[in-house]
């Protein structure tokens, strides 16, 4: 396993997961205009992740310990079987990692 992961890669993956979850609900992840709260949250998560990607320096890295913790959280989670759970998991990952990386990118 690598010792670190590019922050841009990580947040790009978070964005892609969030948009895929929105589209799994039959909505366009780029032209959202509906009332489904899961889709709305997924699109918002994707937008925040993309904002972090645009501000992160290319050298910003996420340490191995951080993404191993997320891998354990995902592996131990039954949330992945439910759309609401997947959204909460993506959101939790973003909320835990984004603030320090966004601050470092400023």
PDB file of N, CA and C in Angstrom:
ATOM      1  N   UNK A   1       0.846  -1.174   0.000  1.00  0.00           N
ATOM      2  CA  UNK A   1       0.000   0.000   0.000  1.00  0.00           C
ATOM      3  C   UNK A   1       0.895   1.243   0.000  1.00  0.00           C
ATOM      4  N   UNK A   2       0.543   2.259  -0.790  1.00  0.00           N
ATOM      5  CA  UNK A   2       1.371   3.466  -0.827  1.00  0.00           C
ATOM      6  C   UNK A   2       1.354   4.191   0.520  1.00  0.00           C
ATOM      7  N   UNK A   3       2.349   5.063   0.739  1.00  0.00           N
ATOM      8  CA  UNK A   3       2.422   5.777   2.011  1.00  0.00           C
ATOM      9  C   UNK A   3       1.604   7.057   2.016  1.00  0.00           C
ATOM     10  N   UNK A   4       1.185   7.528   0.863  1.00  0.00           N
ATOM     11  CA  UNK A   4       0.336   8.712   0.802  1.00  0.00           C
ATOM     12  C   UNK A   4      -0.431   8.708  -0.514  1.00  0.00           C
ATOM     13  N   UNK A   5      -1.426   9.564  -0.579  1.00  0.00           N
ATOM     14  CA  UNK A   5      -2.250   9.668  -1.780  1.00  0.00           C
ATOM     15  C   UNK A   5      -2.398  11.146  -2.117  1.00  0.00           C
ATOM     16  N   UNK A   6      -2.364  11.455  -3.393  1.00  0.00           N
ATOM     17  CA  UNK A   6      -2.572  12.829  -3.822  1.00  0.00           C
ATOM     18  C   UNK A   6      -3.940  13.317  -3.355  1.00  0.00           C
ATOM     19  N   UNK A   7      -3.963  14.500  -2.763  1.00  0.00           N
ATOM     20  CA  UNK A   7      -5.230  15.077  -2.306  1.00  0.00           C
ATOM     21  C   UNK A   7      -6.164  15.311  -3.486  1.00  0.00           C
ATOM     22  N   UNK A   8      -5.607  15.742  -4.609  1.00  0.00           N
ATOM     23  CA  UNK A   8      -6.446  15.976  -5.793  1.00  0.00           C
ATOM     24  C   UNK A   8      -7.091  14.675  -6.261  1.00  0.00           C
ATOM     25  N   UNK A   9      -6.330  13.591  -6.248  1.00  0.00           N
ATOM     26  CA  UNK A   9      -6.883  12.291  -6.636  1.00  0.00           C
ATOM     27  C   UNK A   9      -7.987  11.877  -5.675  1.00  0.00           C
ATOM     28  N   UNK A  10      -7.725  11.999  -4.384  1.00  0.00           N
ATOM     29  CA  UNK A  10      -8.701  11.597  -3.377  1.00  0.00           C
ATOM     30  C   UNK A  10     -10.007  12.363  -3.544  1.00  0.00           C
ATOM     31  N   UNK A  11      -9.927  13.688  -3.641  1.00  0.00           N
ATOM     32  CA  UNK A  11     -11.151  14.476  -3.750  1.00  0.00           C
ATOM     33  C   UNK A  11     -11.821  14.298  -5.106  1.00  0.00           C
ATOM     34  N   UNK A  12     -11.036  13.990  -6.137  1.00  0.00           N
ATOM     35  CA  UNK A  12     -11.629  13.656  -7.435  1.00  0.00           C
ATOM     36  C   UNK A  12     -12.468  12.395  -7.331  1.00  0.00           C
ATOM     37  N   UNK A  13     -11.966  11.415  -6.581  1.00  0.00           N
ATOM     38  CA  UNK A  13     -12.715  10.173  -6.363  1.00  0.00           C
ATOM     39  C   UNK A  13     -13.976  10.446  -5.545  1.00  0.00           C
ATOM     40  N   UNK A  14     -13.862  11.261  -4.491  1.00  0.00           N
ATOM     41  CA  UNK A  14     -15.038  11.604  -3.683  1.00  0.00           C
ATOM     42  C   UNK A  14     -16.095  12.264  -4.565  1.00  0.00           C
ATOM     43  N   UNK A  15     -15.668  13.189  -5.417  1.00  0.00           N
ATOM     44  CA  UNK A  15     -16.603  13.869  -6.315  1.00  0.00           C
ATOM     45  C   UNK A  15     -17.274  12.877  -7.259  1.00  0.00           C
ATOM     46  N   UNK A  16     -16.471  11.993  -7.850  1.00  0.00           N
ATOM     47  CA  UNK A  16     -17.025  11.002  -8.781  1.00  0.00           C
ATOM     48  C   UNK A  16     -18.022  10.078  -8.084  1.00  0.00           C
ATOM     49  N   UNK A  17     -17.699   9.651  -6.861  1.00  0.00           N
ATOM     50  CA  UNK A  17     -18.626   8.796  -6.104  1.00  0.00           C
ATOM     51  C   UNK A  17     -19.937   9.521  -5.824  1.00  0.00           C
ATOM     52  N   UNK A  18     -19.841  10.773  -5.422  1.00  0.00           N
ATOM     53  CA  UNK A  18     -21.045  11.542  -5.104  1.00  0.00           C
ATOM     54  C   UNK A  18     -21.904  11.747  -6.346  1.00  0.00           C
ATOM     55  N   UNK A  19     -21.285  12.067  -7.462  1.00  0.00           N
ATOM     56  CA  UNK A  19     -22.052  12.273  -8.705  1.00  0.00           C
ATOM     57  C   UNK A  19     -22.663  10.952  -9.190  1.00  0.00           C
ATOM     58  N   UNK A  20     -21.920   9.864  -9.045  1.00  0.00           N
ATOM     59  CA  UNK A  20     -22.461   8.551  -9.435  1.00  0.00           C
ATOM     60  C   UNK A  20     -23.661   8.189  -8.572  1.00  0.00           C
ATOM     61  N   UNK A  21     -23.591   8.503  -7.277  1.00  0.00           N
ATOM     62  CA  UNK A  21     -24.716   8.224  -6.384  1.00  0.00           C
ATOM     63  C   UNK A  21     -25.931   9.045  -6.795  1.00  0.00           C
ATOM     64  N   UNK A  22     -25.727  10.300  -7.155  1.00  0.00           N
ATOM     65  CA  UNK A  22     -26.841  11.146  -7.607  1.00  0.00           C
ATOM     66  C   UNK A  22     -27.457  10.570  -8.881  1.00  0.00           C
ATOM     67  N   UNK A  23     -26.606  10.165  -9.811  1.00  0.00           N
ATOM     68  CA  UNK A  23     -27.110   9.630 -11.075  1.00  0.00           C
ATOM     69  C   UNK A  23     -27.784   8.277 -10.893  1.00  0.00           C
ATOM     70  N   UNK A  24     -27.389   7.530  -9.860  1.00  0.00           N
ATOM     71  CA  UNK A  24     -28.042   6.250  -9.576  1.00  0.00           C
ATOM     72  C   UNK A  24     -29.502   6.460  -9.181  1.00  0.00           C
ATOM     73  N   UNK A  25     -29.811   7.666  -8.761  1.00  0.00           N
ATOM     74  CA  UNK A  25     -31.193   8.002  -8.410  1.00  0.00           C
ATOM     75  C   UNK A  25     -31.946   8.558  -9.614  1.00  0.00           C
ATOM     76  N   UNK A  26     -31.330   8.460 -10.790  1.00  0.00           N
ATOM     77  CA  UNK A  26     -32.004   8.873 -12.013  1.00  0.00           C
ATOM     78  C   UNK A  26     -31.987  10.359 -12.275  1.00  0.00           C
ATOM     79  N   UNK A  27     -31.085  11.066 -11.625  1.00  0.00           N
ATOM     80  CA  UNK A  27     -31.002  12.514 -11.816  1.00  0.00           C
ATOM     81  C   UNK A  27     -29.656  12.852 -12.435  1.00  0.00           C
ATOM     82  N   UNK A  28     -29.647  13.904 -13.216  1.00  0.00           N
ATOM     83  CA  UNK A  28     -28.383  14.377 -13.750  1.00  0.00           C
ATOM     84  C   UNK A  28     -27.592  15.030 -12.627  1.00  0.00           C
ATOM     85  N   UNK A  29     -26.374  14.620 -12.473  1.00  0.00           N
ATOM     86  CA  UNK A  29     -25.541  15.186 -11.408  1.00  0.00           C
ATOM     87  C   UNK A  29     -25.006  16.561 -11.787  1.00  0.00           C
ATOM     88  N   UNK A  30     -25.208  16.970 -13.023  1.00  0.00           N
ATOM     89  CA  UNK A  30     -24.731  18.291 -13.423  1.00  0.00           C
ATOM     90  C   UNK A  30     -25.867  19.291 -13.550  1.00  0.00           C
ATOM     91  N   UNK A  31     -27.075  18.836 -13.802  1.00  0.00           N
ATOM     92  CA  UNK A  31     -28.221  19.733 -13.961  1.00  0.00           C
ATOM     93  C   UNK A  31     -29.289  19.432 -12.927  1.00  0.00           C
ATOM     94  N   UNK A  32     -28.908  19.402 -11.671  1.00  0.00           N
ATOM     95  CA  UNK A  32     -29.851  19.046 -10.614  1.00  0.00           C
ATOM     96  C   UNK A  32     -30.875  20.146 -10.403  1.00  0.00           C
ATOM     97  N   UNK A  33     -32.133  19.766 -10.434  1.00  0.00           N
ATOM     98  CA  UNK A  33     -33.213  20.699 -10.082  1.00  0.00           C
ATOM     99  C   UNK A  33     -34.408  19.869  -9.646  1.00  0.00           C
ATOM    100  N   UNK A  34     -34.277  19.235  -8.503  1.00  0.00           N
ATOM    101  CA  UNK A  34     -35.351  18.387  -8.019  1.00  0.00           C
ATOM    102  C   UNK A  34     -35.424  18.421  -6.517  1.00  0.00           C
ATOM    103  N   UNK A  35     -36.295  17.601  -5.964  1.00  0.00           N
ATOM    104  CA  UNK A  35     -36.507  17.640  -4.536  1.00  0.00           C
ATOM    105  C   UNK A  35     -35.918  16.476  -3.766  1.00  0.00           C
ATOM    106  N   UNK A  36     -35.240  15.538  -4.422  1.00  0.00           N
ATOM    107  CA  UNK A  36     -34.681  14.374  -3.737  1.00  0.00           C
ATOM    108  C   UNK A  36     -33.520  14.818  -2.843  1.00  0.00           C
ATOM    109  N   UNK A  37     -33.665  14.711  -1.519  1.00  0.00           N
ATOM    110  CA  UNK A  37     -32.604  15.206  -0.631  1.00  0.00           C
ATOM    111  C   UNK A  37     -31.283  14.458  -0.777  1.00  0.00           C
ATOM    112  N   UNK A  38     -31.332  13.176  -1.115  1.00  0.00           N
ATOM    113  CA  UNK A  38     -30.088  12.418  -1.307  1.00  0.00           C
ATOM    114  C   UNK A  38     -29.339  12.972  -2.514  1.00  0.00           C
ATOM    115  N   UNK A  39     -30.061  13.202  -3.602  1.00  0.00           N
ATOM    116  CA  UNK A  39     -29.421  13.747  -4.802  1.00  0.00           C
ATOM    117  C   UNK A  39     -28.854  15.131  -4.500  1.00  0.00           C
ATOM    118  N   UNK A  40     -29.635  15.939  -3.827  1.00  0.00           N
ATOM    119  CA  UNK A  40     -29.186  17.298  -3.506  1.00  0.00           C
ATOM    120  C   UNK A  40     -27.900  17.258  -2.678  1.00  0.00           C
ATOM    121  N   UNK A  41     -27.850  16.414  -1.657  1.00  0.00           N
ATOM    122  CA  UNK A  41     -26.653  16.307  -0.824  1.00  0.00           C
ATOM    123  C   UNK A  41     -25.468  15.781  -1.618  1.00  0.00           C
ATOM    124  N   UNK A  42     -25.711  14.789  -2.472  1.00  0.00           N
ATOM    125  CA  UNK A  42     -24.613  14.236  -3.281  1.00  0.00           C
ATOM    126  C   UNK A  42     -24.023  15.292  -4.206  1.00  0.00           C
ATOM    127  N   UNK A  43     -24.889  16.058  -4.845  1.00  0.00           N
ATOM    128  CA  UNK A  43     -24.407  17.102  -5.747  1.00  0.00           C
ATOM    129  C   UNK A  43     -23.620  18.145  -4.956  1.00  0.00           C
ATOM    130  N   UNK A  44     -24.105  18.506  -3.794  1.00  0.00           N
ATOM    131  CA  UNK A  44     -23.399  19.483  -2.951  1.00  0.00           C
ATOM    132  C   UNK A  44     -22.042  18.928  -2.509  1.00  0.00           C
ATOM    133  N   UNK A  45     -21.986  17.664  -2.128  1.00  0.00           N
ATOM    134  CA  UNK A  45     -20.718  17.026  -1.750  1.00  0.00           C
ATOM    135  C   UNK A  45     -19.738  17.089  -2.918  1.00  0.00           C
ATOM    136  N   UNK A  46     -20.221  16.755  -4.122  1.00  0.00           N
ATOM    137  CA  UNK A  46     -19.363  16.792  -5.310  1.00  0.00           C
ATOM    138  C   UNK A  46     -18.831  18.199  -5.546  1.00  0.00           C
ATOM    139  N   UNK A  47     -19.681  19.193  -5.391  1.00  0.00           N
ATOM    140  CA  UNK A  47     -19.244  20.579  -5.599  1.00  0.00           C
ATOM    141  C   UNK A  47     -18.173  20.984  -4.591  1.00  0.00           C
ATOM    142  N   UNK A  48     -18.354  20.597  -3.339  1.00  0.00           N
ATOM    143  CA  UNK A  48     -17.357  20.923  -2.312  1.00  0.00           C
ATOM    144  C   UNK A  48     -16.037  20.209  -2.615  1.00  0.00           C
ATOM    145  N   UNK A  49     -16.112  18.930  -2.981  1.00  0.00           N
ATOM    146  CA  UNK A  49     -14.896  18.173  -3.309  1.00  0.00           C
ATOM    147  C   UNK A  49     -14.166  18.812  -4.485  1.00  0.00           C
ATOM    148  N   UNK A  50     -14.919  19.231  -5.500  1.00  0.00           N
ATOM    149  CA  UNK A  50     -14.302  19.858  -6.672  1.00  0.00           C
ATOM    150  C   UNK A  50     -13.674  21.201  -6.311  1.00  0.00           C
ATOM    151  N   UNK A  51     -14.282  21.904  -5.373  1.00  0.00           N
ATOM    152  CA  UNK A  51     -13.721  23.172  -4.904  1.00  0.00           C
ATOM    153  C   UNK A  51     -12.380  22.935  -4.207  1.00  0.00           C
ATOM    154  N   UNK A  52     -12.321  21.875  -3.397  1.00  0.00           N
ATOM    155  CA  UNK A  52     -11.067  21.546  -2.713  1.00  0.00           C
ATOM    156  C   UNK A  52     -10.000  21.183  -3.741  1.00  0.00           C
ATOM    157  N   UNK A  53     -10.367  20.395  -4.758  1.00  0.00           N
ATOM    158  CA  UNK A  53      -9.414  20.011  -5.806  1.00  0.00           C
ATOM    159  C   UNK A  53      -8.844  21.256  -6.478  1.00  0.00           C
ATOM    160  N   UNK A  54      -9.707  22.220  -6.767  1.00  0.00           N
ATOM    161  CA  UNK A  54      -9.245  23.411  -7.483  1.00  0.00           C
ATOM    162  C   UNK A  54      -8.307  24.273  -6.635  1.00  0.00           C
ATOM    163  N   UNK A  55      -8.396  24.172  -5.302  1.00  0.00           N
ATOM    164  CA  UNK A  55      -7.556  24.989  -4.428  1.00  0.00           C
ATOM    165  C   UNK A  55      -6.337  24.255  -3.888  1.00  0.00           C
ATOM    166  N   UNK A  56      -6.324  22.938  -3.967  1.00  0.00           N
ATOM    167  CA  UNK A  56      -5.207  22.162  -3.417  1.00  0.00           C
ATOM    168  C   UNK A  56      -3.971  22.319  -4.287  1.00  0.00           C
ATOM    169  N   UNK A  57      -2.831  22.529  -3.661  1.00  0.00           N
ATOM    170  CA  UNK A  57      -1.603  22.495  -4.460  1.00  0.00           C
ATOM    171  C   UNK A  57      -1.376  21.068  -4.966  1.00  0.00           C
ATOM    172  N   UNK A  58      -0.731  20.964  -6.105  1.00  0.00           N
ATOM    173  CA  UNK A  58      -0.523  19.628  -6.680  1.00  0.00           C
ATOM    174  C   UNK A  58       0.310  18.744  -5.764  1.00  0.00           C
ATOM    175  N   UNK A  59       1.068  19.354  -4.870  1.00  0.00           N
ATOM    176  CA  UNK A  59       1.912  18.567  -3.964  1.00  0.00           C
ATOM    177  C   UNK A  59       1.186  18.110  -2.698  1.00  0.00           C
ATOM    178  N   UNK A  60      -0.057  18.560  -2.479  1.00  0.00           N
ATOM    179  CA  UNK A  60      -0.789  18.182  -1.258  1.00  0.00           C
ATOM    180  C   UNK A  60      -1.044  16.678  -1.253  1.00  0.00           C
ATOM    181  N   UNK A  61      -0.702  16.054  -0.136  1.00  0.00           N
ATOM    182  CA  UNK A  61      -0.857  14.608  -0.013  1.00  0.00           C
ATOM    183  C   UNK A  61      -1.671  14.274   1.231  1.00  0.00           C
ATOM    184  N   UNK A  62      -2.344  13.134   1.193  1.00  0.00           N
ATOM    185  CA  UNK A  62      -3.057  12.613   2.352  1.00  0.00           C
ATOM    186  C   UNK A  62      -2.212  11.465   2.890  1.00  0.00           C
ATOM    187  N   UNK A  63      -1.805  11.517   4.164  1.00  0.00           N
ATOM    188  CA  UNK A  63      -0.960  10.464   4.734  1.00  0.00           C
ATOM    189  C   UNK A  63      -1.649   9.100   4.737  1.00  0.00           C
ATOM    190  N   UNK A  64      -0.831   8.065   4.697  1.00  0.00           N
ATOM    191  CA  UNK A  64      -1.332   6.686   4.682  1.00  0.00           C
ATOM    192  C   UNK A  64      -2.288   6.419   5.839  1.00  0.00           C
ATOM    193  N   UNK A  65      -1.958   6.886   7.018  1.00  0.00           N
ATOM    194  CA  UNK A  65      -2.812   6.619   8.189  1.00  0.00           C
ATOM    195  C   UNK A  65      -4.222   7.153   7.976  1.00  0.00           C
ATOM    196  N   UNK A  66      -4.332   8.308   7.320  1.00  0.00           N
ATOM    197  CA  UNK A  66      -5.650   8.895   7.076  1.00  0.00           C
ATOM    198  C   UNK A  66      -6.490   8.013   6.162  1.00  0.00           C
ATOM    199  N   UNK A  67      -5.927   7.640   4.991  1.00  0.00           N
ATOM    200  CA  UNK A  67      -6.790   6.877   4.097  1.00  0.00           C
ATOM    201  C   UNK A  67      -6.954   5.431   4.517  1.00  0.00           C
ATOM    202  N   UNK A  68      -6.047   4.906   5.353  1.00  0.00           N
ATOM    203  CA  UNK A  68      -6.281   3.573   5.924  1.00  0.00           C
ATOM    204  C   UNK A  68      -7.458   3.614   6.897  1.00  0.00           C
ATOM    205  N   UNK A  69      -7.569   4.707   7.646  1.00  0.00           N
ATOM    206  CA  UNK A  69      -8.704   4.856   8.566  1.00  0.00           C
ATOM    207  C   UNK A  69     -10.012   4.888   7.780  1.00  0.00           C
ATOM    208  N   UNK A  70     -10.021   5.566   6.643  1.00  0.00           N
ATOM    209  CA  UNK A  70     -11.232   5.616   5.824  1.00  0.00           C
ATOM    210  C   UNK A  70     -11.541   4.247   5.229  1.00  0.00           C
ATOM    211  N   UNK A  71     -10.489   3.529   4.825  1.00  0.00           N
ATOM    212  CA  UNK A  71     -10.704   2.186   4.271  1.00  0.00           C
ATOM    213  C   UNK A  71     -11.329   1.273   5.322  1.00  0.00           C
ATOM    214  N   UNK A  72     -10.843   1.372   6.561  1.00  0.00           N
ATOM    215  CA  UNK A  72     -11.440   0.566   7.641  1.00  0.00           C
ATOM    216  C   UNK A  72     -12.892   0.964   7.876  1.00  0.00           C
ATOM    217  N   UNK A  73     -13.151   2.258   7.858  1.00  0.00           N
ATOM    218  CA  UNK A  73     -14.518   2.741   8.068  1.00  0.00           C
ATOM    219  C   UNK A  73     -15.445   2.191   6.982  1.00  0.00           C
ATOM    220  N   UNK A  74     -14.975   2.197   5.752  1.00  0.00           N
ATOM    221  CA  UNK A  74     -15.786   1.691   4.643  1.00  0.00           C
ATOM    222  C   UNK A  74     -15.968   0.181   4.767  1.00  0.00           C
ATOM    223  N   UNK A  75     -14.889  -0.549   5.052  1.00  0.00           N
ATOM    224  CA  UNK A  75     -14.974  -2.007   5.161  1.00  0.00           C
ATOM    225  C   UNK A  75     -15.875  -2.461   6.300  1.00  0.00           C
ATOM    226  N   UNK A  76     -15.930  -1.687   7.373  1.00  0.00           N
ATOM    227  CA  UNK A  76     -16.733  -2.059   8.535  1.00  0.00           C
ATOM    228  C   UNK A  76     -18.151  -1.517   8.480  1.00  0.00           C
ATOM    229  N   UNK A  77     -18.502  -0.895   7.388  1.00  0.00           N
ATOM    230  CA  UNK A  77     -19.780  -0.195   7.339  1.00  0.00           C
ATOM    231  C   UNK A  77     -20.841  -0.964   6.560  1.00  0.00           C
ATOM    232  N   UNK A  78     -21.970  -1.151   7.197  1.00  0.00           N
ATOM    233  CA  UNK A  78     -23.125  -1.710   6.496  1.00  0.00           C
ATOM    234  C   UNK A  78     -23.862  -0.612   5.751  1.00  0.00           C
ATOM    235  N   UNK A  79     -23.435   0.624   5.961  1.00  0.00           N
ATOM    236  CA  UNK A  79     -24.086   1.766   5.322  1.00  0.00           C
ATOM    237  C   UNK A  79     -24.063   1.675   3.801  1.00  0.00           C
ATOM    238  N   UNK A  80     -23.058   0.981   3.269  1.00  0.00           N
ATOM    239  CA  UNK A  80     -22.903   0.944   1.816  1.00  0.00           C
ATOM    240  C   UNK A  80     -24.071   0.274   1.104  1.00  0.00           C
ATOM    241  N   UNK A  81     -24.898  -0.466   1.846  1.00  0.00           N
ATOM    242  CA  UNK A  81     -26.022  -1.149   1.214  1.00  0.00           C
ATOM    243  C   UNK A  81     -27.227  -0.235   1.026  1.00  0.00           C
ATOM    244  N   UNK A  82     -27.157   0.959   1.565  1.00  0.00           N
ATOM    245  CA  UNK A  82     -28.297   1.877   1.505  1.00  0.00           C
ATOM    246  C   UNK A  82     -27.853   3.205   0.911  1.00  0.00           C
ATOM    247  N   UNK A  83     -28.666   3.762   0.024  1.00  0.00           N
ATOM    248  CA  UNK A  83     -28.302   5.024  -0.627  1.00  0.00           C
ATOM    249  C   UNK A  83     -28.023   6.115   0.399  1.00  0.00           C
ATOM    250  N   UNK A  84     -28.884   6.247   1.377  1.00  0.00           N
ATOM    251  CA  UNK A  84     -28.687   7.268   2.413  1.00  0.00           C
ATOM    252  C   UNK A  84     -27.374   7.016   3.152  1.00  0.00           C
ATOM    253  N   UNK A  85     -27.063   5.764   3.406  1.00  0.00           N
ATOM    254  CA  UNK A  85     -25.826   5.415   4.095  1.00  0.00           C
ATOM    255  C   UNK A  85     -24.597   5.729   3.273  1.00  0.00           C
ATOM    256  N   UNK A  86     -24.638   5.428   1.987  1.00  0.00           N
ATOM    257  CA  UNK A  86     -23.496   5.740   1.118  1.00  0.00           C
ATOM    258  C   UNK A  86     -23.262   7.243   1.093  1.00  0.00           C
ATOM    259  N   UNK A  87     -24.344   8.001   1.009  1.00  0.00           N
ATOM    260  CA  UNK A  87     -24.220   9.458   1.001  1.00  0.00           C
ATOM    261  C   UNK A  87     -23.598   9.947   2.300  1.00  0.00           C
ATOM    262  N   UNK A  88     -24.052   9.413   3.431  1.00  0.00           N
ATOM    263  CA  UNK A  88     -23.496   9.823   4.726  1.00  0.00           C
ATOM    264  C   UNK A  88     -22.021   9.461   4.825  1.00  0.00           C
ATOM    265  N   UNK A  89     -21.642   8.312   4.290  1.00  0.00           N
ATOM    266  CA  UNK A  89     -20.252   7.885   4.347  1.00  0.00           C
ATOM    267  C   UNK A  89     -19.370   8.806   3.506  1.00  0.00           C
ATOM    268  N   UNK A  90     -19.812   9.110   2.292  1.00  0.00           N
ATOM    269  CA  UNK A  90     -19.058  10.028   1.427  1.00  0.00           C
ATOM    270  C   UNK A  90     -18.930  11.383   2.115  1.00  0.00           C
ATOM    271  N   UNK A  91     -20.034  11.834   2.695  1.00  0.00           N
ATOM    272  CA  UNK A  91     -20.059  13.119   3.386  1.00  0.00           C
ATOM    273  C   UNK A  91     -19.090  13.115   4.576  1.00  0.00           C
ATOM    274  N   UNK A  92     -19.072  12.038   5.339  1.00  0.00           N
ATOM    275  CA  UNK A  92     -18.185  11.943   6.501  1.00  0.00           C
ATOM    276  C   UNK A  92     -16.724  12.000   6.081  1.00  0.00           C
ATOM    277  N   UNK A  93     -16.391  11.300   5.027  1.00  0.00           N
ATOM    278  CA  UNK A  93     -15.014  11.323   4.526  1.00  0.00           C
ATOM    279  C   UNK A  93     -14.630  12.743   4.142  1.00  0.00           C
ATOM    280  N   UNK A  94     -15.521  13.403   3.424  1.00  0.00           N
ATOM    281  CA  UNK A  94     -15.236  14.759   2.981  1.00  0.00           C
ATOM    282  C   UNK A  94     -15.096  15.714   4.164  1.00  0.00           C
ATOM    283  N   UNK A  95     -15.972  15.604   5.139  1.00  0.00           N
ATOM    284  CA  UNK A  95     -15.937  16.512   6.292  1.00  0.00           C
ATOM    285  C   UNK A  95     -14.702  16.296   7.156  1.00  0.00           C
ATOM    286  N   UNK A  96     -14.193  15.073   7.218  1.00  0.00           N
ATOM    287  CA  UNK A  96     -13.020  14.793   8.041  1.00  0.00           C
ATOM    288  C   UNK A  96     -11.722  15.230   7.377  1.00  0.00           C
ATOM    289  N   UNK A  97     -11.653  15.117   6.068  1.00  0.00           N
ATOM    290  CA  UNK A  97     -10.390  15.378   5.376  1.00  0.00           C
ATOM    291  C   UNK A  97     -10.327  16.771   4.768  1.00  0.00           C
ATOM    292  N   UNK A  98     -11.431  17.288   4.292  1.00  0.00           N
ATOM    293  CA  UNK A  98     -11.420  18.557   3.563  1.00  0.00           C
ATOM    294  C   UNK A  98     -10.920  19.749   4.365  1.00  0.00           C
ATOM    295  N   UNK A  99     -11.371  19.957   5.598  1.00  0.00           N
ATOM    296  CA  UNK A  99     -10.950  21.181   6.289  1.00  0.00           C
ATOM    297  C   UNK A  99      -9.433  21.374   6.413  1.00  0.00           C
ATOM    298  N   UNK A 100      -8.666  20.368   6.879  1.00  0.00           N
ATOM    299  CA  UNK A 100      -7.225  20.612   6.978  1.00  0.00           C
ATOM    300  C   UNK A 100      -6.555  20.780   5.614  1.00  0.00           C
ATOM    301  N   UNK A 101      -7.025  20.061   4.603  1.00  0.00           N
ATOM    302  CA  UNK A 101      -6.411  20.197   3.279  1.00  0.00           C
ATOM    303  C   UNK A 101      -6.769  21.534   2.651  1.00  0.00           C
ATOM    304  N   UNK A 102      -8.013  21.966   2.824  1.00  0.00           N
ATOM    305  CA  UNK A 102      -8.429  23.256   2.278  1.00  0.00           C
ATOM    306  C   UNK A 102      -7.620  24.378   2.929  1.00  0.00           C
ATOM    307  N   UNK A 103      -7.396  24.248   4.231  1.00  0.00           N
ATOM    308  CA  UNK A 103      -6.614  25.257   4.954  1.00  0.00           C
ATOM    309  C   UNK A 103      -5.172  25.272   4.440  1.00  0.00           C
ATOM    310  N   UNK A 104      -4.617  24.090   4.205  1.00  0.00           N
ATOM    311  CA  UNK A 104      -3.242  23.991   3.705  1.00  0.00           C
ATOM    312  C   UNK A 104      -3.117  24.560   2.296  1.00  0.00           C
ATOM    313  N   UNK A 105      -4.204  24.484   1.526  1.00  0.00           N
ATOM    314  CA  UNK A 105      -4.172  24.955   0.143  1.00  0.00           C
ATOM    315  C   UNK A 105      -4.241  26.480   0.051  1.00  0.00           C
ATOM    316  N   UNK A 106      -4.674  27.135   1.120  1.00  0.00           N
ATOM    317  CA  UNK A 106      -4.825  28.605   1.089  1.00  0.00           C
ATOM    318  C   UNK A 106      -3.493  29.311   1.184  1.00  0.00           C
TER     319      UNK A 106
END
